[in-house]
Amino acid sequence: MAQPSPVQLSKQLSELIEQLSEEAFNRGQLTGYRIACVCSTYGDIKQRWLVVESDARKEVDLLHLEQKIQQHHHKAQKQLKQLEQRNFACAPDAMAAAQFVNKQLRYHRFTQIEVVPYPYYNQPGRPRTGQLRDGYHYRLQGSLTLKKQVVAKARRRAGRFILATNVLDSESLSEDDMLCEYKRQQCTERGFRFLKDPMFFTSSVFLKTPERVAALAMVMGLCLLVYTLAQRALRQALAKAKQTLKNQLGKPTATPTMRWVFQCFQSIHLVTLGEFEQIVNLTQEHQRILQFLGASCQKYYLLL
């Protein structure tokens, strides 16, 4: 059996998310989540697919969906108006243009389309009584309606995502445990998002050999480890001292990110004049942050 392509798999997952009815979901142990378990086979391997519906994510997705529908509605109205003002040489050309635009519409369709003939005269000015027309232009008239089935599928898809595992025994790994393990990865995922940030300059690196790519991945993983440990140590120190730091908006926070701390320290430099070394641009706020990062960081900035 041939393994399905990523495109086929993506289509299969999308159809699964859209087709599952509300009755197929059950409330899980985690508040705000509903779960539906489906067995499937991918690459000749049996799997359990967990379709998860998040209440919070569904609310946001539905809001974005309504905004997109409104945007597409305004765009479709504009396209319909342009079609109605356009002259066509014949009725088939007019219908072909309407069908072409209709296929491009995502949430709407043109309905009650009619082709109306309009006579024209080559001679300029108002035609005389009884003057024979030189021919006809053809224009479209129609209305705009919502594709209810398409919108219904989009609304069913709101707030849903799929988790997959090859652990078929639900007693070894229950549906709620799968969701909990997935949610525990969010901190790591945010860390990899930091590594992909242009601030880290990873996007500007080009490597030719697989060995160098593997080496860079090792360095990036080590950087992520240091980043995570530093952030964890900073937050624990703040919690222990019951203190806060200022965030990007100048408001106090007990859970600052190391990304923001790195940005705060970007303007600090070590100046060497002969045998004399001095840290410049180190403010009291910087020194306060360093107090929560430990003696080694304070020593690096010549505070100890």
Protein backbone atom coordinates (compact mmCIF):
# COMPACT_ATOMS: atom_id res chain seq x y z
CA MET A 1 0.00 0.00 0.00
CA ALA A 2 1.46 3.35 -1.04
CA GLN A 3 1.92 5.94 1.67
CA PRO A 4 -0.40 8.95 1.17
CA SER A 5 1.20 12.22 0.16
CA PRO A 6 1.21 15.19 2.57
CA VAL A 7 -1.42 16.85 0.37
CA GLN A 8 -3.71 13.80 0.60
CA LEU A 9 -3.17 13.56 4.35
CA SER A 10 -3.90 17.27 4.81
CA LYS A 11 -7.13 16.89 2.83
CA GLN A 12 -8.11 13.84 4.87
CA LEU A 13 -7.51 15.68 8.15
CA SER A 14 -9.42 18.73 6.96
CA GLU A 15 -12.41 16.61 5.92
CA LEU A 16 -12.37 14.81 9.27
CA ILE A 17 -12.43 18.08 11.20
CA GLU A 18 -15.27 19.46 9.07
CA GLN A 19 -17.46 16.34 9.03
CA LEU A 20 -17.51 15.49 12.74
CA SER A 21 -20.80 16.59 14.26
CA GLU A 22 -21.20 18.20 17.67
CA GLU A 23 -22.65 14.95 19.04
CA ALA A 24 -19.37 13.11 18.35
CA PHE A 25 -17.54 15.14 21.01
CA ASN A 26 -17.40 14.49 24.74
CA ARG A 27 -16.20 16.74 27.53
CA GLY A 28 -12.71 15.85 28.74
CA GLN A 29 -11.19 16.28 32.18
CA LEU A 30 -9.51 19.53 31.14
CA THR A 31 -11.88 22.46 31.39
CA GLY A 32 -12.76 24.10 28.09
CA TYR A 33 -11.99 21.11 25.84
CA ARG A 34 -14.13 18.53 24.06
CA ILE A 35 -12.68 15.37 22.54
CA ALA A 36 -13.62 12.91 19.77
CA CYS A 37 -11.45 9.82 19.19
CA VAL A 38 -11.13 8.33 15.68
CA CYS A 39 -9.08 5.30 14.58
CA SER A 40 -7.19 5.63 11.31
CA THR A 41 -4.29 4.18 9.32
CA TYR A 42 -1.36 6.19 7.99
CA GLY A 43 1.59 4.55 6.21
CA ASP A 44 0.22 1.06 7.04
CA ILE A 45 0.35 1.96 10.75
CA LYS A 46 -2.80 2.04 12.83
CA GLN A 47 -3.20 5.24 14.80
CA ARG A 48 -5.55 6.98 17.16
CA TRP A 49 -6.50 10.45 16.01
CA LEU A 50 -7.82 12.77 18.66
CA VAL A 51 -9.98 15.61 17.35
CA VAL A 52 -9.92 18.29 20.03
CA GLU A 53 -12.25 21.28 20.21
CA SER A 54 -11.14 24.20 22.37
CA ASP A 55 -13.89 26.53 23.59
CA ALA A 56 -11.56 29.54 23.79
CA ARG A 57 -10.02 28.89 20.40
CA LYS A 58 -13.45 28.29 18.87
CA GLU A 59 -14.68 31.67 20.07
CA VAL A 60 -11.68 33.41 18.50
CA ASP A 61 -11.91 31.39 15.26
CA LEU A 62 -15.62 32.16 14.86
CA LEU A 63 -14.95 35.86 15.35
CA HIS A 64 -12.22 35.77 12.68
CA LEU A 65 -14.53 33.77 10.40
CA GLU A 66 -17.29 36.38 10.61
CA GLN A 67 -14.76 39.09 9.80
CA LYS A 68 -13.51 37.12 6.78
CA ILE A 69 -17.07 36.54 5.55
CA GLN A 70 -17.78 40.27 5.76
CA GLN A 71 -14.57 41.07 3.87
CA HIS A 72 -15.39 38.52 1.16
CA HIS A 73 -18.95 39.87 0.98
CA HIS A 74 -17.75 43.41 0.27
CA LYS A 75 -15.31 42.08 -2.33
CA ALA A 76 -18.00 39.96 -4.00
CA GLN A 77 -20.40 42.93 -4.10
CA LYS A 78 -17.73 44.98 -5.83
CA GLN A 79 -17.10 42.21 -8.38
CA LEU A 80 -20.83 41.87 -9.07
CA LYS A 81 -21.17 45.61 -9.60
CA GLN A 82 -18.24 45.59 -12.03
CA LEU A 83 -19.83 42.73 -13.97
CA GLU A 84 -23.18 44.51 -14.14
CA GLN A 85 -21.51 47.61 -15.59
CA ARG A 86 -19.51 45.70 -18.19
CA ASN A 87 -20.66 45.39 -21.81
CA PHE A 88 -20.33 41.99 -23.49
CA ALA A 89 -20.44 41.20 -27.19
CA CYS A 90 -22.79 38.25 -26.74
CA ALA A 91 -24.81 36.47 -24.07
CA PRO A 92 -22.47 33.42 -23.83
CA ASP A 93 -19.53 35.73 -23.09
CA ALA A 94 -21.49 37.37 -20.30
CA MET A 95 -22.44 34.03 -18.73
CA ALA A 96 -18.86 32.74 -19.06
CA ALA A 97 -17.56 35.82 -17.21
CA ALA A 98 -20.14 35.32 -14.44
CA GLN A 99 -19.21 31.64 -14.05
CA PHE A 100 -15.49 32.48 -13.99
CA VAL A 101 -15.93 35.00 -11.16
CA ASN A 102 -18.38 32.69 -9.39
CA LYS A 103 -15.73 29.97 -9.11
CA GLN A 104 -13.37 32.41 -7.38
CA LEU A 105 -15.85 33.32 -4.64
CA ARG A 106 -15.23 31.48 -1.39
CA TYR A 107 -18.24 32.12 0.82
CA HIS A 108 -20.73 33.57 -1.70
CA ARG A 109 -22.19 32.86 -5.14
CA PHE A 110 -23.96 34.80 -7.85
CA THR A 111 -27.59 33.70 -8.23
CA GLN A 112 -30.58 34.68 -10.39
CA ILE A 113 -28.17 35.70 -13.14
CA GLU A 114 -29.83 37.18 -16.19
CA VAL A 115 -28.37 38.51 -19.43
CA VAL A 116 -30.08 41.72 -20.51
CA PRO A 117 -29.59 43.06 -24.08
CA TYR A 118 -29.00 46.80 -24.53
CA PRO A 119 -29.22 48.31 -28.04
CA TYR A 120 -26.46 50.63 -29.21
CA TYR A 121 -26.09 53.10 -32.10
CA ASN A 122 -22.84 53.94 -33.82
CA GLN A 123 -23.97 57.49 -34.58
CA PRO A 124 -23.29 59.77 -31.59
CA GLY A 125 -26.11 61.67 -29.91
CA ARG A 126 -29.70 60.80 -29.22
CA PRO A 127 -31.15 58.35 -31.81
CA ARG A 128 -33.94 59.58 -34.07
CA THR A 129 -37.43 58.17 -33.85
CA GLY A 130 -37.56 54.96 -35.80
CA GLN A 131 -33.78 54.80 -36.26
CA LEU A 132 -32.56 51.22 -36.57
CA ARG A 133 -30.16 50.01 -33.93
CA ASP A 134 -26.67 48.95 -35.02
CA GLY A 135 -26.46 46.06 -32.58
CA TYR A 136 -26.72 44.94 -28.97
CA HIS A 137 -24.49 45.00 -25.92
CA TYR A 138 -25.20 42.42 -23.24
CA ARG A 139 -25.06 43.05 -19.51
CA LEU A 140 -25.50 40.88 -16.45
CA GLN A 141 -27.97 41.24 -13.62
CA GLY A 142 -27.94 39.08 -10.53
CA SER A 143 -27.85 38.87 -6.77
CA LEU A 144 -25.41 37.65 -4.15
CA THR A 145 -26.16 34.82 -1.71
CA LEU A 146 -24.18 33.06 1.00
CA LYS A 147 -22.85 29.52 0.50
CA LYS A 148 -24.50 28.09 3.60
CA GLN A 149 -22.86 24.67 3.38
CA VAL A 150 -19.36 26.16 3.03
CA VAL A 151 -19.95 28.49 5.98
CA ALA A 152 -21.38 25.63 8.06
CA LYS A 153 -18.24 23.55 7.44
CA ALA A 154 -16.02 26.49 8.37
CA ARG A 155 -17.96 26.98 11.60
CA ARG A 156 -17.64 23.29 12.46
CA ARG A 157 -13.89 23.55 11.84
CA ALA A 158 -13.54 26.47 14.27
CA GLY A 159 -11.53 25.69 17.39
CA ARG A 160 -10.62 22.15 16.30
CA PHE A 161 -7.25 20.49 15.87
CA ILE A 162 -5.96 16.91 15.66
CA LEU A 163 -3.49 14.97 17.81
CA ALA A 164 -2.24 11.57 16.60
CA THR A 165 -0.54 8.65 18.34
CA ASN A 166 0.34 5.04 17.50
CA VAL A 167 -0.41 4.02 21.11
CA LEU A 168 -3.72 2.26 20.49
CA ASP A 169 -4.36 1.18 24.08
CA SER A 170 -6.39 3.91 25.75
CA GLU A 171 -5.48 2.51 29.18
CA SER A 172 -1.77 3.10 28.48
CA LEU A 173 -2.43 6.58 27.11
CA SER A 174 -5.88 8.02 27.61
CA GLU A 175 -7.36 10.83 25.54
CA ASP A 176 -7.02 13.27 28.44
CA ASP A 177 -3.37 12.27 28.94
CA MET A 178 -2.68 12.90 25.24
CA LEU A 179 -4.10 16.40 25.50
CA CYS A 180 -2.17 17.11 28.72
CA GLU A 181 1.11 15.98 27.15
CA TYR A 182 0.43 18.19 24.14
CA LYS A 183 -0.25 21.22 26.31
CA ARG A 184 2.99 20.63 28.24
CA GLN A 185 4.91 21.17 24.99
CA GLN A 186 3.72 24.77 24.63
CA CYS A 187 6.69 26.18 26.54
CA THR A 188 9.11 24.29 24.26
CA GLU A 189 7.21 25.41 21.16
CA ARG A 190 7.46 29.03 22.28
CA GLY A 191 11.20 28.51 22.71
CA PHE A 192 11.59 27.28 19.14
CA ARG A 193 9.55 30.28 18.01
CA PHE A 194 12.21 32.46 19.65
CA LEU A 195 14.96 30.63 17.76
CA LYS A 196 13.15 31.32 14.48
CA ASP A 197 12.90 35.02 15.28
CA PRO A 198 15.05 37.29 13.05
CA MET A 199 16.48 38.73 16.28
CA PHE A 200 18.35 35.43 16.72
CA PHE A 201 19.81 35.72 13.17
CA THR A 202 19.02 32.07 12.41
CA SER A 203 17.26 32.97 9.18
CA SER A 204 20.42 34.56 7.77
CA VAL A 205 22.49 31.36 8.08
CA PHE A 206 23.05 29.23 4.95
CA LEU A 207 24.73 25.83 5.23
CA LYS A 208 25.63 23.41 2.45
CA THR A 209 26.35 20.08 4.13
CA PRO A 210 24.05 17.97 6.34
CA GLU A 211 26.79 17.79 8.97
CA ARG A 212 26.82 21.57 9.36
CA VAL A 213 23.04 21.65 9.53
CA ALA A 214 23.17 19.05 12.31
CA ALA A 215 25.85 21.06 14.11
CA LEU A 216 23.74 24.22 13.89
CA ALA A 217 20.73 22.31 15.23
CA MET A 218 22.88 21.19 18.17
CA VAL A 219 23.96 24.76 18.88
CA MET A 220 20.37 26.01 18.58
CA GLY A 221 19.16 23.30 20.95
CA LEU A 222 21.85 24.27 23.45
CA CYS A 223 20.86 27.93 23.14
CA LEU A 224 17.24 27.01 23.75
CA LEU A 225 18.28 25.05 26.85
CA VAL A 226 20.19 28.05 28.24
CA TYR A 227 17.31 30.36 27.34
CA THR A 228 14.74 28.15 29.09
CA LEU A 229 16.87 27.62 32.22
CA ALA A 230 17.61 31.35 32.50
CA GLN A 231 13.94 32.26 32.17
CA ARG A 232 12.97 29.60 34.71
CA ALA A 233 15.61 30.80 37.19
CA LEU A 234 14.56 34.44 36.78
CA ARG A 235 10.88 33.71 37.37
CA GLN A 236 11.63 31.49 40.37
CA ALA A 237 13.80 34.22 41.91
CA LEU A 238 11.06 36.81 41.38
CA ALA A 239 8.45 34.50 42.92
CA LYS A 240 10.66 33.77 45.92
CA ALA A 241 11.31 37.48 46.53
CA LYS A 242 7.69 38.40 45.66
CA GLN A 243 8.99 41.01 43.21
CA THR A 244 8.16 42.01 39.63
CA LEU A 245 9.92 43.53 36.62
CA LYS A 246 8.64 45.97 34.02
CA ASN A 247 7.45 44.48 30.75
CA GLN A 248 7.43 46.04 27.27
CA LEU A 249 4.52 48.30 28.27
CA GLY A 250 6.20 49.44 31.47
CA LYS A 251 3.77 47.43 33.61
CA PRO A 252 4.92 45.08 36.39
CA THR A 253 5.04 41.36 35.60
CA ALA A 254 6.16 38.33 37.58
CA THR A 255 6.66 36.23 34.43
CA PRO A 256 9.03 38.17 32.15
CA THR A 257 10.49 36.50 29.06
CA MET A 258 14.22 36.23 28.47
CA ARG A 259 13.62 37.63 25.00
CA TRP A 260 12.54 40.92 26.58
CA VAL A 261 15.47 40.80 29.03
CA PHE A 262 17.91 40.29 26.15
CA GLN A 263 16.44 43.31 24.38
CA CYS A 264 16.84 45.41 27.54
CA PHE A 265 20.55 44.57 27.67
CA GLN A 266 21.29 45.23 23.98
CA SER A 267 22.60 48.77 24.54
CA ILE A 268 25.13 47.81 27.23
CA HIS A 269 28.83 47.76 26.25
CA LEU A 270 32.19 46.96 27.82
CA VAL A 271 34.67 49.80 27.29
CA THR A 272 38.40 49.18 27.82
CA LEU A 273 40.77 52.12 28.30
CA GLY A 274 44.27 50.78 28.85
CA GLU A 275 43.99 48.50 31.86
CA PHE A 276 40.71 50.01 33.00
CA GLU A 277 37.39 48.31 32.11
CA GLN A 278 34.00 49.89 32.51
CA ILE A 279 30.41 48.88 31.74
CA VAL A 280 28.50 51.72 30.08
CA ASN A 281 24.72 52.29 29.85
CA LEU A 282 24.07 49.98 32.81
CA THR A 283 21.12 51.52 34.64
CA GLN A 284 19.64 50.77 38.05
CA GLU A 285 16.87 48.78 36.36
CA HIS A 286 19.52 46.58 34.68
CA GLN A 287 21.28 46.07 38.00
CA ARG A 288 17.98 45.12 39.61
CA ILE A 289 17.36 42.49 36.92
CA LEU A 290 20.87 41.08 37.41
CA GLN A 291 20.17 40.63 41.13
CA PHE A 292 17.59 37.98 40.24
CA LEU A 293 19.87 36.24 37.71
CA GLY A 294 22.52 35.28 40.24
CA ALA A 295 26.10 36.13 41.20
CA SER A 296 27.67 34.80 37.99
CA CYS A 297 25.69 37.26 35.84
CA GLN A 298 26.48 40.13 38.22
CA LYS A 299 30.18 39.26 38.04
CA TYR A 300 30.01 39.29 34.23
CA TYR A 301 28.82 42.90 34.40
CA LEU A 302 31.56 43.81 36.94
CA LEU A 303 29.11 44.24 39.80
CA LEU A 304 30.96 41.78 42.05
